[in-house]
C-alpha atoms as a PDB file:
ATOM      1  CA  MET A   1       0.000   0.000   0.000  1.00  0.00           C
ATOM      2  CA  ARG A   2       1.434   3.310  -1.131  1.00  0.00           C
ATOM      3  CA  ILE A   3       0.439   6.872  -0.336  1.00  0.00           C
ATOM      4  CA  SER A   4      -0.136   7.477  -4.036  1.00  0.00           C
ATOM      5  CA  GLN A   5      -2.720   4.663  -4.026  1.00  0.00           C
ATOM      6  CA  LEU A   6      -4.543   6.256  -1.105  1.00  0.00           C
ATOM      7  CA  GLU A   7      -4.518   9.644  -2.814  1.00  0.00           C
ATOM      8  CA  ILE A   8      -6.024   8.110  -5.963  1.00  0.00           C
ATOM      9  CA  PHE A   9      -8.687   6.356  -3.887  1.00  0.00           C
ATOM     10  CA  VAL A  10      -9.614   9.554  -2.022  1.00  0.00           C
ATOM     11  CA  SER A  11      -9.928  11.466  -5.296  1.00  0.00           C
ATOM     12  CA  ALA A  12     -12.077   8.745  -6.850  1.00  0.00           C
ATOM     13  CA  ALA A  13     -14.286   8.538  -3.754  1.00  0.00           C
ATOM     14  CA  ARG A  14     -14.714  12.297  -3.523  1.00  0.00           C
ATOM     15  CA  ASN A  15     -15.642  12.627  -7.212  1.00  0.00           C
ATOM     16  CA  LEU A  16     -17.308   9.203  -7.587  1.00  0.00           C
ATOM     17  CA  SER A  17     -15.502   9.045 -10.898  1.00  0.00           C
ATOM     18  CA  PHE A  18     -12.328   7.316 -12.062  1.00  0.00           C
ATOM     19  CA  THR A  19     -12.125   9.766 -14.974  1.00  0.00           C
ATOM     20  CA  LYS A  20     -12.125  12.849 -12.723  1.00  0.00           C
ATOM     21  CA  ALA A  21      -9.683  11.139 -10.328  1.00  0.00           C
ATOM     22  CA  ALA A  22      -7.313  10.510 -13.230  1.00  0.00           C
ATOM     23  CA  LYS A  23      -7.397  14.196 -14.157  1.00  0.00           C
ATOM     24  CA  GLU A  24      -6.799  15.325 -10.547  1.00  0.00           C
ATOM     25  CA  CYS A  25      -3.935  12.868 -10.062  1.00  0.00           C
ATOM     26  CA  PHE A  26      -2.326  13.636 -13.451  1.00  0.00           C
ATOM     27  CA  THR A  27      -2.670  10.105 -14.768  1.00  0.00           C
ATOM     28  CA  VAL A  28      -5.029   8.075 -16.985  1.00  0.00           C
ATOM     29  CA  GLN A  29      -8.241   6.257 -16.116  1.00  0.00           C
ATOM     30  CA  SER A  30      -6.764   2.801 -16.661  1.00  0.00           C
ATOM     31  CA  VAL A  31      -4.078   3.508 -14.020  1.00  0.00           C
ATOM     32  CA  VAL A  32      -6.730   4.689 -11.549  1.00  0.00           C
ATOM     33  CA  SER A  33      -8.747   1.515 -12.131  1.00  0.00           C
ATOM     34  CA  GLN A  34      -5.644  -0.674 -11.690  1.00  0.00           C
ATOM     35  CA  GLN A  35      -4.604   1.080  -8.452  1.00  0.00           C
ATOM     36  CA  ILE A  36      -8.107   0.827  -6.945  1.00  0.00           C
ATOM     37  CA  THR A  37      -8.301  -2.871  -7.833  1.00  0.00           C
ATOM     38  CA  ALA A  38      -4.846  -3.484  -6.294  1.00  0.00           C
ATOM     39  CA  LEU A  39      -5.855  -1.611  -3.140  1.00  0.00           C
ATOM     40  CA  GLU A  40      -9.085  -3.605  -2.809  1.00  0.00           C
ATOM     41  CA  SER A  41      -7.152  -6.838  -3.279  1.00  0.00           C
ATOM     42  CA  GLU A  42      -4.686  -5.870  -0.525  1.00  0.00           C
ATOM     43  CA  LEU A  43      -7.452  -4.779   1.873  1.00  0.00           C
ATOM     44  CA  GLY A  44      -9.600  -7.851   1.220  1.00  0.00           C
ATOM     45  CA  PHE A  45     -12.877  -5.986   0.606  1.00  0.00           C
ATOM     46  CA  SER A  46     -14.501  -3.845  -2.081  1.00  0.00           C
ATOM     47  CA  LEU A  47     -14.319  -0.071  -1.857  1.00  0.00           C
ATOM     48  CA  PHE A  48     -16.595   0.697  -4.796  1.00  0.00           C
ATOM     49  CA  GLU A  49     -19.699  -0.796  -6.322  1.00  0.00           C
ATOM     50  CA  ARG A  50     -19.388  -0.645 -10.118  1.00  0.00           C
ATOM     51  CA  THR A  51     -22.663   0.067 -11.947  1.00  0.00           C
ATOM     52  CA  GLN A  52     -23.619   0.957 -15.491  1.00  0.00           C
ATOM     53  CA  LYS A  53     -24.113   4.577 -14.337  1.00  0.00           C
ATOM     54  CA  GLY A  54     -20.747   4.806 -12.599  1.00  0.00           C
ATOM     55  CA  ILE A  55     -19.305   3.960  -9.195  1.00  0.00           C
ATOM     56  CA  LEU A  56     -20.631   4.150  -5.669  1.00  0.00           C
ATOM     57  CA  LEU A  57     -18.842   3.692  -2.354  1.00  0.00           C
ATOM     58  CA  THR A  58     -19.679   0.524  -0.464  1.00  0.00           C
ATOM     59  CA  PRO A  59     -20.435   0.909   3.262  1.00  0.00           C
ATOM     60  CA  ALA A  60     -16.884  -0.298   3.995  1.00  0.00           C
ATOM     61  CA  GLY A  61     -15.592   2.106   1.349  1.00  0.00           C
ATOM     62  CA  GLU A  62     -17.378   5.054   2.980  1.00  0.00           C
ATOM     63  CA  ARG A  63     -15.737   4.312   6.328  1.00  0.00           C
ATOM     64  CA  TYR A  64     -12.356   3.710   4.713  1.00  0.00           C
ATOM     65  CA  TYR A  65     -12.676   6.976   2.799  1.00  0.00           C
ATOM     66  CA  SER A  66     -13.323   9.098   5.922  1.00  0.00           C
ATOM     67  CA  ASP A  67     -10.459   7.434   7.806  1.00  0.00           C
ATOM     68  CA  THR A  68      -8.070   7.781   4.862  1.00  0.00           C
ATOM     69  CA  VAL A  69      -8.798  11.515   4.507  1.00  0.00           C
ATOM     70  CA  LEU A  70      -7.796  11.985   8.144  1.00  0.00           C
ATOM     71  CA  LEU A  71      -4.724   9.809   7.664  1.00  0.00           C
ATOM     72  CA  LEU A  72      -3.502  11.762   4.632  1.00  0.00           C
ATOM     73  CA  ASP A  73      -4.081  15.047   6.457  1.00  0.00           C
ATOM     74  CA  GLN A  74      -2.041  13.750   9.405  1.00  0.00           C
ATOM     75  CA  LEU A  75       0.754  12.556   7.097  1.00  0.00           C
ATOM     76  CA  LYS A  76       0.901  15.980   5.460  1.00  0.00           C
ATOM     77  CA  GLU A  77       1.045  17.655   8.873  1.00  0.00           C
ATOM     78  CA  ASN A  78       3.808  15.261   9.953  1.00  0.00           C
ATOM     79  CA  ARG A  79       5.775  15.980   6.793  1.00  0.00           C
ATOM     80  CA  ASP A  80       5.394  19.742   7.172  1.00  0.00           C
ATOM     81  CA  THR A  81       6.474  19.592  10.830  1.00  0.00           C
ATOM     82  CA  ALA A  82       9.501  17.444  10.004  1.00  0.00           C
ATOM     83  CA  MET A  83      10.425  19.817   7.188  1.00  0.00           C
ATOM     84  CA  GLN A  84      10.232  22.775   9.586  1.00  0.00           C
ATOM     85  CA  ILE A  85      12.495  20.958  12.051  1.00  0.00           C
ATOM     86  CA  ALA A  86      14.961  20.117   9.272  1.00  0.00           C
ATOM     87  CA  ASN A  87      15.046  23.789   8.270  1.00  0.00           C
ATOM     88  CA  GLY A  88      15.324  25.040  11.867  1.00  0.00           C
ATOM     89  CA  ILE A  89      11.934  26.743  11.671  1.00  0.00           C
ATOM     90  CA  CYS A  90      10.746  24.758  14.657  1.00  0.00           C
ATOM     91  CA  GLY A  91      12.379  22.389  17.114  1.00  0.00           C
ATOM     92  CA  THR A  92      14.101  23.033  20.424  1.00  0.00           C
ATOM     93  CA  LEU A  93      17.012  25.355  21.163  1.00  0.00           C
ATOM     94  CA  LYS A  94      18.793  25.183  24.527  1.00  0.00           C
ATOM     95  CA  VAL A  95      20.387  28.533  25.407  1.00  0.00           C
ATOM     96  CA  GLY A  96      22.748  28.456  28.375  1.00  0.00           C
ATOM     97  CA  LEU A  97      22.694  31.481  30.681  1.00  0.00           C
ATOM     98  CA  ALA A  98      24.861  32.091  33.736  1.00  0.00           C
ATOM     99  CA  GLY A  99      22.255  34.366  35.287  1.00  0.00           C
ATOM    100  CA  ALA A 100      19.351  36.728  34.727  1.00  0.00           C
ATOM    101  CA  ASN A 101      21.776  39.652  34.525  1.00  0.00           C
ATOM    102  CA  GLN A 102      22.801  38.472  31.045  1.00  0.00           C
ATOM    103  CA  ALA A 103      19.504  39.840  29.752  1.00  0.00           C
ATOM    104  CA  PRO A 104      21.195  42.890  28.112  1.00  0.00           C
ATOM    105  CA  PHE A 105      22.933  40.495  25.690  1.00  0.00           C
ATOM    106  CA  LEU A 106      19.728  38.786  24.558  1.00  0.00           C
ATOM    107  CA  GLN A 107      18.471  41.378  22.077  1.00  0.00           C
ATOM    108  CA  GLY A 108      19.422  39.280  19.057  1.00  0.00           C
ATOM    109  CA  LEU A 109      17.919  36.159  20.607  1.00  0.00           C
ATOM    110  CA  LYS A 110      14.660  38.011  21.332  1.00  0.00           C
ATOM    111  CA  ARG A 111      14.426  39.169  17.739  1.00  0.00           C
ATOM    112  CA  PHE A 112      15.151  35.641  16.516  1.00  0.00           C
ATOM    113  CA  TYR A 113      12.310  34.249  18.656  1.00  0.00           C
ATOM    114  CA  HIS A 114       9.987  36.993  17.435  1.00  0.00           C
ATOM    115  CA  ASP A 115      10.740  36.003  13.833  1.00  0.00           C
ATOM    116  CA  ASN A 116      10.732  32.243  14.589  1.00  0.00           C
ATOM    117  CA  PRO A 117       7.978  31.721  17.200  1.00  0.00           C
ATOM    118  CA  THR A 118       7.689  27.983  16.450  1.00  0.00           C
ATOM    119  CA  VAL A 119      11.199  27.363  17.844  1.00  0.00           C
ATOM    120  CA  LYS A 120      10.969  26.281  21.484  1.00  0.00           C
ATOM    121  CA  ILE A 121      13.702  27.995  23.538  1.00  0.00           C
ATOM    122  CA  LEU A 122      14.872  26.576  26.855  1.00  0.00           C
ATOM    123  CA  PHE A 123      17.248  28.317  29.275  1.00  0.00           C
ATOM    124  CA  PRO A 124      19.321  25.766  31.231  1.00  0.00           C
ATOM    125  CA  ASN A 125      21.517  27.399  33.860  1.00  0.00           C
ATOM    126  CA  VAL A 126      25.229  27.519  33.088  1.00  0.00           C
ATOM    127  CA  ASN A 127      27.510  26.145  35.751  1.00  0.00           C
ATOM    128  CA  THR A 128      30.353  28.578  35.110  1.00  0.00           C
ATOM    129  CA  GLU A 129      33.058  26.189  36.199  1.00  0.00           C
ATOM    130  CA  HIS A 130      31.833  23.481  33.802  1.00  0.00           C
ATOM    131  CA  GLN A 131      30.556  25.528  30.849  1.00  0.00           C
ATOM    132  CA  LEU A 132      32.869  23.913  28.287  1.00  0.00           C
ATOM    133  CA  GLU A 133      32.052  20.417  29.529  1.00  0.00           C
ATOM    134  CA  GLU A 134      28.312  21.187  29.472  1.00  0.00           C
ATOM    135  CA  LEU A 135      28.521  22.627  25.971  1.00  0.00           C
ATOM    136  CA  ARG A 136      30.337  19.521  24.735  1.00  0.00           C
ATOM    137  CA  SER A 137      27.786  17.216  26.379  1.00  0.00           C
ATOM    138  CA  GLY A 138      24.837  18.980  24.704  1.00  0.00           C
ATOM    139  CA  PHE A 139      23.396  20.292  27.966  1.00  0.00           C
ATOM    140  CA  TYR A 140      22.871  23.451  25.941  1.00  0.00           C
ATOM    141  CA  ASP A 141      23.340  24.274  22.254  1.00  0.00           C
ATOM    142  CA  ILE A 142      24.769  27.749  22.718  1.00  0.00           C
ATOM    143  CA  LEU A 143      25.792  30.046  25.556  1.00  0.00           C
ATOM    144  CA  HIS A 144      26.871  33.654  26.004  1.00  0.00           C
ATOM    145  CA  THR A 145      30.379  33.888  27.389  1.00  0.00           C
ATOM    146  CA  ALA A 146      33.764  35.587  27.133  1.00  0.00           C
ATOM    147  CA  VAL A 147      35.687  34.584  24.016  1.00  0.00           C
ATOM    148  CA  PHE A 148      38.912  34.047  25.976  1.00  0.00           C
ATOM    149  CA  THR A 149      37.288  31.217  27.971  1.00  0.00           C
ATOM    150  CA  MET A 150      37.382  29.121  24.771  1.00  0.00           C
ATOM    151  CA  GLN A 151      40.886  30.158  23.774  1.00  0.00           C
ATOM    152  CA  GLY A 152      42.713  27.591  21.656  1.00  0.00           C
ATOM    153  CA  LEU A 153      39.489  25.779  20.718  1.00  0.00           C
ATOM    154  CA  GLU A 154      38.736  27.624  17.486  1.00  0.00           C
ATOM    155  CA  ASN A 155      38.460  24.389  15.479  1.00  0.00           C
ATOM    156  CA  GLU A 156      35.874  23.035  17.917  1.00  0.00           C
ATOM    157  CA  ILE A 157      34.025  26.141  19.135  1.00  0.00           C
ATOM    158  CA  GLY A 158      32.411  28.768  16.952  1.00  0.00           C
ATOM    159  CA  PHE A 159      31.342  32.249  18.044  1.00  0.00           C
ATOM    160  CA  SER A 160      28.535  34.440  16.809  1.00  0.00           C
ATOM    161  CA  GLU A 161      27.665  38.084  17.493  1.00  0.00           C
ATOM    162  CA  ARG A 162      31.070  38.905  18.963  1.00  0.00           C
ATOM    163  CA  ARG A 163      31.444  42.319  20.565  1.00  0.00           C
ATOM    164  CA  ILE A 164      33.995  44.279  22.587  1.00  0.00           C
ATOM    165  CA  SER A 165      32.792  45.495  25.966  1.00  0.00           C
ATOM    166  CA  LYS A 166      34.403  47.778  28.536  1.00  0.00           C
ATOM    167  CA  LEU A 167      35.006  46.240  31.960  1.00  0.00           C
ATOM    168  CA  MET A 168      33.597  48.070  34.964  1.00  0.00           C
ATOM    169  CA  VAL A 169      33.846  47.627  38.726  1.00  0.00           C
ATOM    170  CA  TYR A 170      30.503  46.857  40.377  1.00  0.00           C
ATOM    171  CA  MET A 171      29.784  47.503  44.026  1.00  0.00           C
ATOM    172  CA  ASN A 172      27.031  48.410  46.460  1.00  0.00           C
ATOM    173  CA  GLU A 173      26.238  52.144  46.450  1.00  0.00           C
ATOM    174  CA  GLU A 174      27.314  52.270  50.110  1.00  0.00           C
ATOM    175  CA  HIS A 175      30.718  50.747  49.394  1.00  0.00           C
ATOM    176  CA  PRO A 176      33.689  53.138  49.878  1.00  0.00           C
ATOM    177  CA  LEU A 177      34.753  52.652  46.237  1.00  0.00           C
ATOM    178  CA  ALA A 178      31.405  54.061  45.101  1.00  0.00           C
ATOM    179  CA  ARG A 179      32.726  57.508  46.011  1.00  0.00           C
ATOM    180  CA  HIS A 180      35.492  57.186  43.384  1.00  0.00           C
ATOM    181  CA  GLU A 181      35.045  58.352  39.812  1.00  0.00           C
ATOM    182  CA  ASN A 182      37.668  55.883  38.596  1.00  0.00           C
ATOM    183  CA  ILE A 183      39.178  52.809  40.253  1.00  0.00           C
ATOM    184  CA  SER A 184      42.747  51.559  39.906  1.00  0.00           C
ATOM    185  CA  LEU A 185      43.897  47.954  40.189  1.00  0.00           C
ATOM    186  CA  GLU A 186      45.587  48.773  43.482  1.00  0.00           C
ATOM    187  CA  GLU A 187      42.335  50.151  44.923  1.00  0.00           C
ATOM    188  CA  LEU A 188      40.362  47.191  43.571  1.00  0.00           C
ATOM    189  CA  ALA A 189      42.773  44.737  45.214  1.00  0.00           C
ATOM    190  CA  CYS A 190      42.142  46.266  48.650  1.00  0.00           C
ATOM    191  CA  TRP A 191      38.655  44.777  48.783  1.00  0.00           C
ATOM    192  CA  PRO A 192      37.195  41.270  48.532  1.00  0.00           C
ATOM    193  CA  ASN A 193      36.815  40.389  44.851  1.00  0.00           C
ATOM    194  CA  ILE A 194      33.898  38.155  43.874  1.00  0.00           C
ATOM    195  CA  TYR A 195      34.661  35.571  41.165  1.00  0.00           C
ATOM    196  CA  ALA A 196      31.945  33.540  39.432  1.00  0.00           C
ATOM    197  CA  THR A 197      34.176  30.519  38.986  1.00  0.00           C
ATOM    198  CA  ASN A 198      35.764  27.555  40.740  1.00  0.00           C
ATOM    199  CA  PRO A 199      39.423  27.983  41.771  1.00  0.00           C
ATOM    200  CA  GLU A 200      39.977  24.220  41.593  1.00  0.00           C
ATOM    201  CA  ASN A 201      38.834  23.852  37.975  1.00  0.00           C
ATOM    202  CA  ALA A 202      41.678  24.488  35.536  1.00  0.00           C
ATOM    203  CA  GLU A 203      39.261  25.100  32.636  1.00  0.00           C
ATOM    204  CA  SER A 204      37.288  27.695  34.567  1.00  0.00           C
ATOM    205  CA  VAL A 205      38.465  31.268  33.997  1.00  0.00           C
ATOM    206  CA  SER A 206      37.101  34.404  35.628  1.00  0.00           C
ATOM    207  CA  THR A 207      37.072  37.813  33.961  1.00  0.00           C
ATOM    208  CA  SER A 208      37.987  39.407  37.283  1.00  0.00           C
ATOM    209  CA  LYS A 209      40.999  37.141  37.788  1.00  0.00           C
ATOM    210  CA  THR A 210      42.514  37.854  34.368  1.00  0.00           C
ATOM    211  CA  ILE A 211      42.795  41.606  34.914  1.00  0.00           C
ATOM    212  CA  PHE A 212      45.419  40.980  37.632  1.00  0.00           C
ATOM    213  CA  ASP A 213      47.538  38.708  35.435  1.00  0.00           C
ATOM    214  CA  GLY A 214      51.054  40.083  35.066  1.00  0.00           C
ATOM    215  CA  SER A 215      50.372  43.075  37.308  1.00  0.00           C
ATOM    216  CA  GLY A 216      52.015  41.708  40.415  1.00  0.00           C
ATOM    217  CA  ILE A 217      48.876  42.716  42.326  1.00  0.00           C
ATOM    218  CA  THR A 218      46.780  40.238  44.271  1.00  0.00           C
ATOM    219  CA  PRO A 219      43.387  40.955  45.847  1.00  0.00           C
ATOM    220  CA  VAL A 220      43.355  40.945  49.612  1.00  0.00           C
ATOM    221  CA  ARG A 221      40.591  38.341  49.480  1.00  0.00           C
ATOM    222  CA  THR A 222      38.725  36.370  46.847  1.00  0.00           C
ATOM    223  CA  ILE A 223      35.178  35.016  47.065  1.00  0.00           C
ATOM    224  CA  TYR A 224      34.157  32.251  44.663  1.00  0.00           C
ATOM    225  CA  VAL A 225      30.512  31.782  43.643  1.00  0.00           C
ATOM    226  CA  ARG A 226      28.855  29.412  41.178  1.00  0.00           C
ATOM    227  CA  ASN A 227      27.102  31.872  38.870  1.00  0.00           C
ATOM    228  CA  GLN A 228      26.251  35.481  38.126  1.00  0.00           C
ATOM    229  CA  ASN A 229      22.979  35.402  40.072  1.00  0.00           C
ATOM    230  CA  ILE A 230      24.850  34.735  43.309  1.00  0.00           C
ATOM    231  CA  ASN A 231      27.423  37.321  42.289  1.00  0.00           C
ATOM    232  CA  SER A 232      24.663  39.951  42.055  1.00  0.00           C
ATOM    233  CA  LEU A 233      23.281  38.868  45.421  1.00  0.00           C
ATOM    234  CA  MET A 234      26.694  39.296  47.054  1.00  0.00           C
ATOM    235  CA  LEU A 235      26.942  42.818  45.629  1.00  0.00           C
ATOM    236  CA  ASP A 236      23.443  43.572  46.865  1.00  0.00           C
ATOM    237  CA  PHE A 237      24.570  42.569  50.368  1.00  0.00           C
ATOM    238  CA  ASN A 238      27.741  44.676  50.038  1.00  0.00           C
ATOM    239  CA  VAL A 239      29.969  41.654  50.616  1.00  0.00           C
ATOM    240  CA  GLY A 240      32.581  42.630  48.025  1.00  0.00           C
ATOM    241  CA  VAL A 241      33.200  44.047  44.556  1.00  0.00           C
ATOM    242  CA  SER A 242      33.146  42.468  41.115  1.00  0.00           C
ATOM    243  CA  VAL A 243      34.424  43.232  37.624  1.00  0.00           C
ATOM    244  CA  ALA A 244      32.027  42.686  34.710  1.00  0.00           C
ATOM    245  CA  PRO A 245      31.013  44.134  31.309  1.00  0.00           C
ATOM    246  CA  GLU A 246      29.432  47.586  31.369  1.00  0.00           C
ATOM    247  CA  GLU A 247      26.186  46.318  29.772  1.00  0.00           C
ATOM    248  CA  LEU A 248      25.223  44.463  32.954  1.00  0.00           C
ATOM    249  CA  LEU A 249      24.398  47.535  35.059  1.00  0.00           C
ATOM    250  CA  PRO A 250      20.662  47.730  34.107  1.00  0.00           C
ATOM    251  CA  SER A 251      20.171  44.129  35.249  1.00  0.00           C
ATOM    252  CA  MET A 252      21.956  44.586  38.588  1.00  0.00           C
ATOM    253  CA  PRO A 253      20.096  45.241  41.882  1.00  0.00           C
ATOM    254  CA  ARG A 254      19.051  48.892  42.222  1.00  0.00           C
ATOM    255  CA  ASN A 255      21.572  49.601  44.955  1.00  0.00           C
ATOM    256  CA  VAL A 256      24.505  48.380  42.836  1.00  0.00           C
ATOM    257  CA  VAL A 257      26.554  50.947  40.918  1.00  0.00           C
ATOM    258  CA  SER A 258      29.506  50.734  38.543  1.00  0.00           C
ATOM    259  CA  ARG A 259      32.712  52.716  38.128  1.00  0.00           C
ATOM    260  CA  PRO A 260      35.349  52.679  35.343  1.00  0.00           C
ATOM    261  CA  LEU A 261      38.406  50.492  35.899  1.00  0.00           C
ATOM    262  CA  GLU A 262      41.732  52.125  35.039  1.00  0.00           C
ATOM    263  CA  ASN A 263      39.937  54.747  32.889  1.00  0.00           C
ATOM    264  CA  GLY A 264      38.415  52.066  30.690  1.00  0.00           C
ATOM    265  CA  ARG A 265      41.741  50.418  29.865  1.00  0.00           C
ATOM    266  CA  PHE A 266      40.370  46.901  30.317  1.00  0.00           C
ATOM    267  CA  GLN A 267      38.028  45.408  27.755  1.00  0.00           C
ATOM    268  CA  ILE A 268      36.560  41.991  27.095  1.00  0.00           C
ATOM    269  CA  GLU A 269      35.309  40.281  23.951  1.00  0.00           C
ATOM    270  CA  LEU A 270      31.968  38.508  24.361  1.00  0.00           C
ATOM    271  CA  GLY A 271      29.890  36.311  22.093  1.00  0.00           C
ATOM    272  CA  TRP A 272      27.627  33.314  21.623  1.00  0.00           C
ATOM    273  CA  ALA A 273      29.657  30.081  21.766  1.00  0.00           C
ATOM    274  CA  TYR A 274      28.520  26.843  20.147  1.00  0.00           C
ATOM    275  CA  LEU A 275      29.990  23.516  19.044  1.00  0.00           C
ATOM    276  CA  ARG A 276      30.779  23.555  15.334  1.00  0.00           C
ATOM    277  CA  SER A 277      29.795  19.872  15.212  1.00  0.00           C
ATOM    278  CA  ASN A 278      26.305  20.533  16.605  1.00  0.00           C
ATOM    279  CA  THR A 279      23.812  19.572  13.878  1.00  0.00           C
ATOM    280  CA  ASN A 280      20.681  20.996  15.532  1.00  0.00           C
ATOM    281  CA  PRO A 281      18.935  22.830  12.639  1.00  0.00           C
ATOM    282  CA  ALA A 282      17.472  25.399  15.050  1.00  0.00           C
ATOM    283  CA  LEU A 283      21.010  26.256  16.216  1.00  0.00           C
ATOM    284  CA  GLN A 284      22.236  26.665  12.641  1.00  0.00           C
ATOM    285  CA  ARG A 285      19.291  28.940  11.927  1.00  0.00           C
ATOM    286  CA  LEU A 286      20.030  31.067  15.012  1.00  0.00           C
ATOM    287  CA  VAL A 287      23.739  31.360  14.176  1.00  0.00           C
ATOM    288  CA  ASN A 288      22.958  32.422  10.608  1.00  0.00           C
ATOM    289  CA  TYR A 289      20.399  34.889  11.946  1.00  0.00           C
ATOM    290  CA  LEU A 290      22.848  36.478  14.402  1.00  0.00           C
ATOM    291  CA  ASP A 291      25.680  36.566  11.871  1.00  0.00           C
ATOM    292  CA  ASN A 292      23.569  38.317   9.262  1.00  0.00           C
ATOM    293  CA  ARG A 293      21.891  40.907  11.506  1.00  0.00           C
ATOM    294  CA  LYS A 294      23.184  43.570  13.871  1.00  0.00           C
ATOM    295  CA  PHE A 295      21.671  44.071  17.315  1.00  0.00           C
ATOM    296  CA  ARG A 296      23.663  46.851  18.895  1.00  0.00           C
END
């Protein structure tokens, strides 16, 4: 039994004519008659009653006709859905986020979802210390992170929507550093620095830690947290200070302020990281979308 046979049967049953069915199915009447006979032989019962005036559906044929119409409609819907998945128009996209304060970087993603509402987007939380491992395992398809955290992995990791961002020092508005217009590395090192990373994980790199590399300056104290949400909470409680991209200020608690670090000397490159080997069509569609549009 082939779909083409069912389509010929449905056309013949709807028109009660093999001649009209042949025209609709772009074939000849003899082929329609042969296909109906073959279908009846396979089913083991007659679909049509042949008379001198034409054809009529048998009671079994009437029931088979109504069921077959539904079946063909369902097959078409299944095909269309599968085609949408294959083209990335629908499906599931897992976007890793380290915290709600990454919202300022989601403009492109929001526009993508607006233009592709049939794509289901999930937001698994990024464990900062294991982000590379989680990306490789497929825990998420793509995540927003600093480009330097994937250094040396260019053949494995791709980046989309890369941008340069100025690094700022974040602190509670009641913190002594909030009275400064600009903060030096020496001043920053005098206070507990909050790092969203794990000191025992060699693959885990913190933006805050890298700014002290080669300076000979070490913070008086370091506080390690699992993600940016906890980082924001620590700032809200005035536990310490943190260094992060300037775009994050609107998503910080209201009593958190930012000040330039070394007159804006420190910058960071950010972007959406993904495995080049990931074959998820929805991911490929998002990457193409971000690469071909600007969301600044």
